[in-house]
Protein backbone atom coordinates (compact mmCIF):
# COMPACT_ATOMS: atom_id res chain seq x y z
CA MET A 1 0.00 0.00 0.00
CA LYS A 2 4.50 5.84 -4.09
CA ASN A 3 5.66 8.89 -2.86
CA LEU A 4 3.69 12.11 -3.16
CA ARG A 5 4.44 13.71 -6.47
CA LYS A 6 5.42 17.35 -6.43
CA ASN A 7 2.92 18.01 -9.20
CA LYS A 8 -0.44 17.32 -7.63
CA LYS A 9 -3.25 16.16 -9.85
CA PHE A 10 -6.19 18.53 -10.31
CA VAL A 11 -9.40 16.77 -11.31
CA THR A 12 -12.57 18.37 -12.61
CA GLY A 13 -14.22 15.33 -14.14
CA ALA A 14 -16.55 14.80 -17.07
CA SER A 15 -19.40 17.04 -18.10
CA ALA A 16 -22.44 17.08 -15.89
CA ALA A 17 -26.02 16.36 -16.90
CA LEU A 18 -28.45 19.28 -17.04
CA THR A 19 -31.81 18.85 -15.39
CA VAL A 20 -34.65 21.36 -15.84
CA LEU A 21 -37.05 21.45 -12.92
CA MET A 22 -40.52 23.04 -13.05
CA LEU A 23 -41.99 24.20 -9.76
CA ALA A 24 -45.52 23.10 -8.91
CA ALA A 25 -46.75 26.69 -8.86
CA GLY A 26 -45.71 27.07 -12.48
CA THR A 27 -44.52 30.65 -11.99
CA PHE A 28 -40.82 30.04 -12.48
CA ALA A 29 -38.70 27.52 -14.37
CA TRP A 30 -35.84 26.72 -12.03
CA TYR A 31 -32.66 25.15 -13.29
CA SER A 32 -30.46 22.68 -11.52
CA ALA A 33 -27.26 20.87 -12.40
CA GLN A 34 -25.32 17.97 -10.99
CA HIS A 35 -21.90 16.39 -11.26
CA SER A 36 -19.87 13.66 -9.62
CA VAL A 37 -16.26 12.58 -9.62
CA GLU A 38 -15.00 9.16 -8.63
CA ASN A 39 -11.49 8.51 -7.29
CA LYS A 40 -9.12 3.48 -7.75
CA PHE A 41 -12.54 9.08 -4.02
CA LYS A 42 -23.56 21.25 -11.52
CA THR A 43 -29.59 31.08 -15.95
CA ASP A 44 -30.69 31.95 -18.13
CA GLY A 45 -29.76 28.52 -17.63
CA MET A 46 -27.15 26.50 -15.90
CA PRO A 47 -25.58 24.89 -18.96
CA ASP A 48 -24.04 21.46 -19.04
CA GLY A 49 -20.92 21.46 -16.87
CA SER A 50 -21.78 24.69 -15.05
CA VAL A 51 -20.95 23.29 -11.64
CA LYS A 52 -18.25 20.73 -10.99
CA VAL A 53 -16.50 18.94 -8.18
CA TRP A 54 -13.08 20.53 -7.69
CA GLU A 55 -10.39 18.47 -6.01
CA ILE A 56 -6.70 17.88 -5.39
CA PHE A 57 -6.00 14.18 -5.22
CA ASP A 58 -2.73 12.30 -5.82
CA GLU A 59 -3.99 9.17 -7.55
CA GLU A 60 -0.65 7.37 -7.41
CA LYS A 61 -0.28 7.91 -3.68
CA GLY A 62 -3.89 6.84 -3.22
CA LYS A 63 -3.02 3.47 -4.74
CA GLU A 64 -0.48 2.72 -2.00
CA ALA A 65 -2.04 4.12 1.15
CA LYS A 66 -0.58 2.84 4.41
CA PRO A 67 -2.28 2.65 7.84
CA GLY A 68 -2.04 5.97 9.64
CA GLU A 69 -1.09 7.89 6.48
CA LYS A 70 -3.30 10.77 5.39
CA ILE A 71 -3.96 10.82 1.65
CA GLN A 72 -4.68 14.40 0.61
CA LYS A 73 -8.09 14.80 -0.99
CA ASP A 74 -9.17 18.43 -0.96
CA VAL A 75 -12.73 18.76 -2.22
CA GLY A 76 -14.82 21.79 -3.06
CA VAL A 77 -17.39 22.80 -5.69
CA THR A 78 -16.78 25.36 -8.43
CA ASN A 79 -19.35 27.43 -10.34
CA LEU A 80 -18.48 27.62 -14.04
CA GLY A 81 -21.78 29.22 -14.97
CA ASP A 82 -22.71 32.87 -15.27
CA ASN A 83 -24.96 33.32 -12.21
CA PRO A 84 -24.75 32.70 -8.45
CA VAL A 85 -25.90 29.27 -7.29
CA PHE A 86 -26.69 27.25 -4.18
CA VAL A 87 -24.57 24.09 -3.96
CA ARG A 88 -24.66 20.88 -1.99
CA ALA A 89 -22.32 17.88 -1.94
CA SER A 90 -22.43 14.31 -0.73
CA PHE A 91 -20.46 11.06 -0.88
CA GLU A 92 -20.84 7.46 -1.87
CA GLU A 93 -18.27 4.98 -0.52
CA MET A 94 -17.26 1.49 -1.56
CA VAL A 95 -14.75 -0.86 0.02
CA HIS A 96 -13.80 -4.28 -1.30
CA LYS A 97 -11.42 -6.37 0.79
CA TYR A 98 -10.03 -9.88 0.81
CA ASP A 99 -11.13 -12.71 3.08
CA ALA A 100 -9.50 -12.40 6.50
CA ASP A 101 -8.19 -14.76 9.13
CA GLY A 102 -8.21 -12.61 12.23
CA LEU A 103 -5.95 -9.60 11.61
CA ASN A 104 -4.31 -11.25 8.61
CA LEU A 105 -5.51 -12.18 5.17
CA ALA A 106 -6.69 -15.74 4.78
CA VAL A 107 -4.53 -17.81 2.42
CA GLU A 108 -6.23 -20.26 0.10
CA LYS A 109 -3.85 -23.10 -0.72
CA SER A 110 -4.67 -24.67 -4.06
CA THR A 111 -3.07 -27.87 -5.32
CA THR A 112 -3.35 -26.53 -8.87
CA ILE A 113 -2.54 -23.15 -10.31
CA LYS A 114 -5.59 -20.96 -10.95
CA ALA A 115 -6.57 -20.04 -14.48
CA ASP A 116 -5.50 -16.51 -15.42
CA ALA A 117 -9.16 -15.63 -15.92
CA ASP A 118 -9.71 -16.26 -12.19
CA LEU A 119 -7.15 -13.66 -11.14
CA GLU A 120 -8.18 -10.30 -9.74
CA ALA A 121 -6.19 -8.50 -12.46
CA ASN A 122 -8.51 -10.05 -15.03
CA GLY A 123 -11.76 -9.51 -13.16
CA GLY A 124 -11.63 -12.67 -11.04
CA ALA A 125 -11.53 -13.11 -7.28
CA PHE A 126 -7.99 -14.37 -6.64
CA LEU A 127 -4.74 -12.53 -5.98
CA PRO A 128 -1.54 -14.63 -5.97
CA VAL A 129 0.14 -14.17 -2.59
CA PRO A 130 3.05 -11.85 -3.45
CA ILE A 131 6.60 -13.05 -2.82
CA ILE A 132 9.33 -11.04 -1.15
CA ASP A 133 11.96 -9.19 -3.15
CA THR A 134 14.30 -11.87 -4.54
CA THR A 135 17.09 -9.52 -5.60
CA SER A 136 19.49 -10.87 -2.98
CA TRP A 137 18.50 -14.50 -3.59
CA SER A 138 20.38 -16.85 -5.90
CA ASP A 139 19.52 -19.42 -8.53
CA PRO A 140 20.19 -22.89 -7.04
CA ALA A 141 22.73 -23.67 -9.74
CA THR A 142 24.81 -20.69 -8.61
CA LEU A 143 25.21 -22.38 -5.24
CA GLY A 144 25.83 -25.80 -6.82
CA PHE A 145 22.31 -27.19 -6.31
CA THR A 146 19.97 -29.01 -8.66
CA VAL A 147 16.18 -28.74 -8.58
CA ASP A 148 14.75 -32.24 -9.03
CA ALA A 149 11.68 -33.36 -10.95
CA SER A 150 9.37 -33.04 -7.92
CA VAL A 151 9.25 -29.29 -8.51
CA PRO A 152 6.42 -28.62 -11.02
CA ALA A 153 7.09 -27.03 -14.35
CA GLY A 154 6.65 -23.25 -14.24
CA VAL A 155 7.80 -22.96 -10.61
CA THR A 156 10.92 -20.86 -10.04
CA VAL A 157 13.10 -21.66 -7.03
CA LYS A 158 15.48 -19.22 -5.35
CA MET A 159 17.97 -19.93 -2.53
CA LYS A 160 19.81 -17.97 0.10
CA GLU A 161 22.81 -19.17 2.10
CA LEU A 162 22.51 -18.17 5.73
CA THR A 163 25.40 -17.15 7.94
CA THR A 164 25.49 -19.25 11.09
CA SER A 165 27.95 -20.12 13.84
CA SER A 166 27.71 -23.76 12.79
CA ALA A 167 30.41 -25.33 10.68
CA SER A 168 27.77 -26.62 8.24
CA ASN A 169 26.03 -24.43 5.70
CA SER A 170 22.36 -23.49 6.12
CA TYR A 171 19.98 -22.51 3.35
CA GLU A 172 16.50 -21.11 2.82
CA VAL A 173 14.29 -21.63 -0.23
CA ILE A 174 11.45 -19.58 -1.73
CA ALA A 175 9.45 -20.45 -4.83
CA TYR A 176 7.00 -18.66 -7.07
CA SER A 177 4.76 -19.45 -10.01
CA THR A 178 4.44 -17.99 -13.49
CA GLN A 179 1.78 -15.71 -11.92
CA ASN A 180 4.45 -14.35 -9.55
CA GLY A 181 2.57 -15.90 -6.64
CA GLN A 182 3.93 -17.75 -3.66
CA VAL A 183 4.33 -21.52 -4.00
CA GLY A 184 4.29 -23.48 -0.76
CA GLY A 185 5.05 -27.06 0.17
CA GLU A 186 7.37 -29.27 2.19
CA TRP A 187 10.74 -28.25 0.82
CA LYS A 188 13.80 -30.46 1.34
CA ILE A 189 17.32 -29.19 0.86
CA ASP A 190 19.89 -32.00 0.74
CA SER A 191 23.23 -30.30 1.33
CA ASP A 192 25.15 -33.54 0.69
CA ALA A 193 23.47 -34.49 -2.59
CA LYS A 194 23.08 -30.81 -3.49
CA THR A 195 19.43 -31.29 -4.47
CA ILE A 196 16.17 -29.48 -3.79
CA SER A 197 12.88 -31.35 -3.74
CA VAL A 198 9.32 -30.70 -2.62
CA THR A 199 6.16 -32.52 -1.61
CA ASP A 200 2.60 -31.29 -1.04
CA VAL A 201 2.94 -28.35 -3.42
CA THR A 202 0.38 -25.54 -3.07
CA TYR A 203 -0.24 -22.37 -5.04
CA ASN A 204 -1.18 -19.68 -2.54
CA TYR A 205 -3.85 -17.04 -3.12
CA TYR A 206 -5.78 -14.32 -1.35
CA LYS A 207 -9.48 -14.35 -2.24
CA ARG A 208 -11.53 -11.19 -2.60
CA THR A 209 -14.81 -11.12 -0.68
CA SER A 210 -17.78 -11.93 -2.88
CA THR A 211 -19.36 -8.48 -2.67
CA ALA A 212 -18.16 -4.96 -1.96
CA ALA A 213 -19.55 -2.96 0.95
CA THR A 214 -21.18 0.25 -0.25
CA PHE A 215 -22.64 3.25 1.51
CA ASN A 216 -24.57 6.03 -0.19
CA TRP A 217 -24.83 8.98 2.15
CA THR A 218 -28.02 10.31 0.57
CA VAL A 219 -29.76 6.96 1.01
CA ASP A 220 -28.18 5.21 4.01
CA ILE A 221 -27.06 8.02 6.32
CA LEU A 222 -28.08 7.59 9.94
CA GLU A 223 -25.87 9.87 12.03
CA ALA A 224 -26.83 13.36 13.12
CA THR A 225 -23.40 14.84 12.33
CA ALA A 226 -21.04 14.35 9.41
CA PRO A 227 -19.45 10.95 10.01
CA ALA A 228 -15.69 10.83 10.52
CA ALA A 229 -15.52 7.18 9.49
CA PHE A 230 -16.85 5.09 6.64
CA GLN A 231 -20.16 3.81 7.98
CA LEU A 232 -19.44 0.16 7.22
CA ASP A 233 -15.78 0.20 8.30
CA GLU A 234 -14.56 2.29 11.23
CA LYS A 235 -10.90 2.00 10.12
CA ILE A 236 -11.48 4.21 7.08
CA ASN A 237 -11.54 7.84 8.17
CA LEU A 238 -12.66 11.00 6.42
CA ILE A 239 -10.91 14.17 7.58
CA TYR A 240 -12.70 17.47 7.01
CA HIS A 241 -11.54 21.07 6.82
CA THR A 242 -13.03 21.71 10.25
CA ALA A 243 -12.78 25.50 9.94
CA ASN A 244 -15.17 25.30 6.99
CA VAL A 245 -17.75 22.95 8.52
CA ASP A 246 -20.33 23.62 11.23
CA ASN A 247 -22.23 20.48 12.22
CA THR A 248 -24.31 22.24 14.86
CA THR A 249 -25.85 25.30 13.25
CA PRO A 250 -26.21 26.37 9.60
CA THR A 251 -23.66 29.19 9.50
CA ALA A 252 -22.98 31.67 6.70
CA ASN A 253 -19.96 30.82 4.51
CA LYS A 254 -19.60 27.32 5.96
CA TRP A 255 -20.74 23.83 5.09
CA TYR A 256 -23.53 22.29 7.12
CA PHE A 257 -24.30 18.56 7.19
CA ASN A 258 -28.02 17.83 7.00
CA ALA A 259 -28.71 14.39 8.48
CA ALA A 260 -32.24 14.46 7.07
CA ASP A 261 -31.01 13.85 3.54
CA GLY A 262 -27.25 13.10 3.77
CA TRP A 263 -26.10 16.26 1.95
CA PHE A 264 -23.60 18.94 2.92
CA TYR A 265 -25.03 22.38 2.12
CA TYR A 266 -22.87 25.42 1.57
CA ILE A 267 -24.54 28.31 3.42
CA GLY A 268 -23.96 30.96 0.83
CA LEU A 269 -24.13 31.63 -2.87
CA VAL A 270 -21.23 30.60 -5.09
CA ASP A 271 -20.56 33.33 -7.64
CA SER A 272 -19.50 32.65 -11.21
CA GLY A 273 -15.90 31.44 -11.39
CA ASN A 274 -15.61 30.83 -7.64
CA VAL A 275 -14.89 27.68 -5.62
CA THR A 276 -16.54 26.98 -2.29
CA PRO A 277 -14.45 26.69 0.86
CA LEU A 278 -12.95 23.19 0.87
CA LEU A 279 -15.06 20.49 2.51
CA LEU A 280 -12.91 17.39 2.65
CA ASN A 281 -9.20 17.43 3.47
CA ALA A 282 -7.97 13.83 3.46
CA VAL A 283 -8.79 10.14 3.64
CA GLN A 284 -6.96 7.96 6.15
CA ILE A 285 -6.71 4.28 6.95
CA ASP A 286 -6.56 4.11 10.73
CA GLY A 287 -3.12 3.32 12.14
CA SER A 288 -4.56 0.34 14.02
CA ALA A 289 -5.67 -1.40 10.80
CA GLY A 290 -4.21 -4.90 10.55
CA ASN A 291 -2.82 -6.86 7.64
CA ASN A 292 -6.38 -7.83 6.74
CA TYR A 293 -6.62 -4.37 5.10
CA MET A 294 -3.88 -5.12 2.60
CA TYR A 295 -4.81 -4.84 -1.08
CA MET A 296 -8.29 -3.53 -0.36
CA ASP A 297 -10.00 -1.18 -2.81
CA TYR A 298 -11.69 1.94 -1.47
CA THR A 299 -13.59 4.33 -3.71
CA LEU A 300 -14.95 7.68 -2.60
CA THR A 301 -17.33 9.21 -5.11
CA VAL A 302 -18.04 12.91 -4.57
CA LYS A 303 -21.23 14.27 -6.07
CA ALA A 304 -22.47 17.84 -6.24
CA GLU A 305 -25.72 19.54 -7.15
CA ALA A 306 -26.67 23.15 -7.65
CA LEU A 307 -29.74 25.36 -7.91
CA GLN A 308 -30.24 28.88 -9.12
CA GLY A 309 -29.49 31.34 -6.37
CA TYR A 310 -33.05 32.44 -5.61
CA GLN A 311 -34.99 31.76 -2.43
CA GLU A 312 -37.88 30.19 -4.33
CA ALA A 313 -35.62 27.59 -5.96
CA LEU A 314 -34.90 25.92 -2.60
CA SER A 315 -38.28 24.20 -2.66
CA ASP A 316 -36.78 21.71 -5.11
CA TRP A 317 -34.51 20.30 -2.38
CA SER A 318 -36.98 18.53 -0.10
CA GLY A 319 -34.45 18.16 2.73
CA VAL A 320 -34.10 21.92 3.10
CA THR A 321 -36.39 22.78 6.01
CA GLY A 322 -36.31 24.62 9.32
CA ALA A 323 -33.09 26.38 10.32
CA LEU A 324 -31.30 25.18 7.19
CA LYS A 325 -33.92 26.75 4.94
CA THR A 326 -33.88 29.98 6.95
CA ALA A 327 -30.09 30.22 6.70
CA LEU A 328 -30.06 29.63 2.94
CA GLU A 329 -32.88 32.09 2.28
CA ALA A 330 -30.95 34.70 4.27
CA VAL A 331 -28.06 34.68 1.79
CA ALA A 332 -30.13 34.81 -1.40
CA PRO A 333 -32.55 37.25 -3.01
CA ALA A 334 -36.11 36.54 -4.01
CA ALA A 335 -36.69 35.87 -7.68
CA PRO A 336 -37.17 39.07 -9.73
């Protein structure tokens, strides 16, 4: 689970879809827009692409996150349209791990090598158990050894001579398959005959759980304040720009989390060409996470929606009631 590149990656995403919404009263035609960006974490119209998720996210570093390490993911919403808008943002999370045995990954020992189609890299469920770096290990022939016929075809054997206080030499053996996966078994090193043999050969794999755990904040949210952890896995933490978020009271120029519908609302209008104060700061795998979190996939999808910046337009967002509605109406004019 590469080092942070000096040139951070700025992502705006694909064009959004335009939705035209007619109010029940029929007096005004309000426009809304929406956009989302997924991270391997929208008048005179509000034209396609008028509001977008704005973020700084180092995708390469995200691929190799380590427990306790904060992966920068600054998230805000930008208005690319011509007129002020209300904006709201929310998340959808997905985590897909491998079968665990306590705090470690469970190892499935197969007596036959898996078909390539069954490997995770090809859309299957199995990941060959990776081997250690063999740079300092030697081919048996270099040390005068022969690998006998008990070692299956396609299995590569490496040896290392150990330094001991004993007068006799001591060796270790590792083996891997054509899939670069660990090969286990009962290995025998005959220092007198200079041969290496094996019985009970196994090809070792990690197996991905059958289904991913998903959580859509606008559908599944239960907490009264913005959760600090992924709702289905407490070891995955979301870190907010706390100076820009008020979970208690809808406050001008800050984000407010509305538990009634799972959306963060920016209490203010976003003018043309502007970006909201940043909402999310980083994603972190808790430092206490065990080896059972190795090789997991976590996806954080950020979605944003916008409405024209008039008080009357707020009726389209059904979750906007009470103090939240009052606060938003206070920062916007009535429709002309």
